[in-house]
Amino acid sequence: MPNDTLPPVPEIEKDSDTLIKQDYLPLYRVLMWDDAITTMEFVVRMLIKVFDKDPISAEKLMYEIHNSGVAHVDTLPLERAEFKVERVHLTAAMEGYPFRCTIEPL
């Protein structure tokens, strides 16, 4: 098919006076808190399945939670942080654990 049968491509005009401003969503810290009932296995599983941690990092974070009482496990925009925390809380409730995560601004 010859090129002269194709419609002309419209030209795009660039406005040099307009600056493009890109806003980023504010980030929030997700914290996991230790308790005396929730198993270490559950905490590691949540870190792997919900927060996409590799098994070694998940185990290190679990021990930090266990020994320090709390650990910063992820930094996310608010909506994603809320979604992941809700997943952890629902799973903990279904399995009978009082496990808690909180969200705080950076």
Protein backbone atom coordinates (compact mmCIF):
# COMPACT_ATOMS: atom_id res chain seq x y z
CA MET A 1 0.00 0.00 0.00
CA PRO A 2 1.61 3.28 -1.03
CA ASN A 3 2.22 5.96 1.59
CA ASP A 4 0.37 8.68 -0.37
CA THR A 5 -2.99 7.00 0.35
CA LEU A 6 -2.59 7.41 4.11
CA PRO A 7 -4.15 10.47 5.75
CA PRO A 8 -1.71 13.15 6.84
CA VAL A 9 -0.52 13.05 10.43
CA PRO A 10 -1.61 16.17 12.31
CA GLU A 11 1.14 18.26 13.81
CA ILE A 12 1.25 18.76 17.55
CA GLU A 13 1.90 22.28 18.69
CA LYS A 14 3.93 22.66 21.86
CA ASP A 15 3.20 25.61 24.06
CA SER A 16 6.53 26.68 25.53
CA ASP A 17 4.84 29.08 27.98
CA THR A 18 3.05 26.28 29.84
CA LEU A 19 5.00 24.44 32.49
CA ILE A 20 3.97 20.95 33.41
CA LYS A 21 3.64 20.53 37.15
CA GLN A 22 3.53 17.01 38.46
CA ASP A 23 2.19 16.51 41.96
CA TYR A 24 3.05 13.40 43.90
CA LEU A 25 0.76 11.81 46.42
CA PRO A 26 1.89 12.29 50.00
CA LEU A 27 3.45 9.20 51.52
CA TYR A 28 2.55 7.44 54.76
CA ARG A 29 4.36 4.92 56.94
CA VAL A 30 2.75 1.59 57.74
CA LEU A 31 3.68 0.33 61.20
CA MET A 32 3.10 -3.17 62.57
CA TRP A 33 2.70 -3.60 66.33
CA ASP A 34 3.64 -6.56 68.49
CA ASP A 35 1.14 -8.36 70.71
CA ALA A 36 1.33 -11.43 72.93
CA ILE A 37 -1.14 -13.54 70.92
CA THR A 38 -0.40 -13.22 67.19
CA THR A 39 2.01 -15.86 65.92
CA MET A 40 5.32 -15.05 64.27
CA GLU A 41 4.23 -17.20 61.30
CA PHE A 42 1.16 -14.97 60.75
CA VAL A 43 3.27 -11.80 60.80
CA VAL A 44 5.75 -13.24 58.29
CA ARG A 45 2.89 -14.42 56.07
CA MET A 46 1.29 -10.93 56.06
CA LEU A 47 4.62 -9.30 55.23
CA ILE A 48 5.12 -11.66 52.29
CA LYS A 49 1.55 -11.79 50.94
CA VAL A 50 0.32 -8.26 51.63
CA PHE A 51 3.50 -6.16 51.63
CA ASP A 52 5.40 -8.18 48.98
CA LYS A 53 8.47 -8.77 51.15
CA ASP A 54 10.85 -11.63 50.41
CA PRO A 55 11.00 -14.33 53.12
CA ILE A 56 14.34 -13.18 54.56
CA SER A 57 13.26 -9.52 54.83
CA ALA A 58 9.91 -10.60 56.26
CA GLU A 59 11.62 -12.65 58.97
CA LYS A 60 13.96 -9.76 59.88
CA LEU A 61 11.00 -7.37 60.12
CA MET A 62 9.05 -9.89 62.21
CA TYR A 63 11.92 -10.10 64.71
CA GLU A 64 12.15 -6.29 64.79
CA ILE A 65 8.41 -6.13 65.57
CA HIS A 66 8.80 -8.84 68.21
CA ASN A 67 11.86 -7.33 69.91
CA SER A 68 11.07 -3.61 69.57
CA GLY A 69 7.28 -3.73 69.81
CA VAL A 70 6.81 -1.95 66.49
CA ALA A 71 8.42 -1.74 63.05
CA HIS A 72 8.04 0.42 59.96
CA VAL A 73 7.19 -2.09 57.21
CA ASP A 74 6.30 0.05 54.18
CA THR A 75 5.90 3.60 52.85
CA LEU A 76 2.92 4.15 50.55
CA PRO A 77 0.34 6.70 49.38
CA LEU A 78 -2.57 6.84 51.83
CA GLU A 79 -5.10 4.87 49.77
CA ARG A 80 -2.72 1.96 49.17
CA ALA A 81 -1.62 1.99 52.81
CA GLU A 82 -5.24 1.88 53.99
CA PHE A 83 -6.02 -0.99 51.60
CA LYS A 84 -3.09 -3.10 52.80
CA VAL A 85 -3.75 -2.39 56.49
CA GLU A 86 -7.40 -3.37 56.01
CA ARG A 87 -6.33 -6.65 54.39
CA VAL A 88 -4.09 -7.43 57.36
CA HIS A 89 -6.81 -6.53 59.89
CA LEU A 90 -9.46 -8.63 58.08
CA THR A 91 -7.15 -11.63 57.83
CA ALA A 92 -6.14 -11.29 61.49
CA ALA A 93 -9.79 -11.12 62.55
CA MET A 94 -10.68 -14.17 60.46
CA GLU A 95 -7.87 -16.13 62.11
CA GLY A 96 -8.66 -14.87 65.61
CA TYR A 97 -5.61 -12.64 66.14
CA PRO A 98 -5.72 -9.12 67.63
CA PHE A 99 -2.85 -8.02 65.34
CA ARG A 100 -2.75 -4.31 64.51
CA CYS A 101 -1.14 -2.05 61.95
CA THR A 102 -1.27 1.74 61.95
CA ILE A 103 -0.63 4.45 59.38
CA GLU A 104 1.20 7.70 60.08
CA PRO A 105 2.30 10.57 57.81
CA LEU A 106 5.98 10.95 56.96
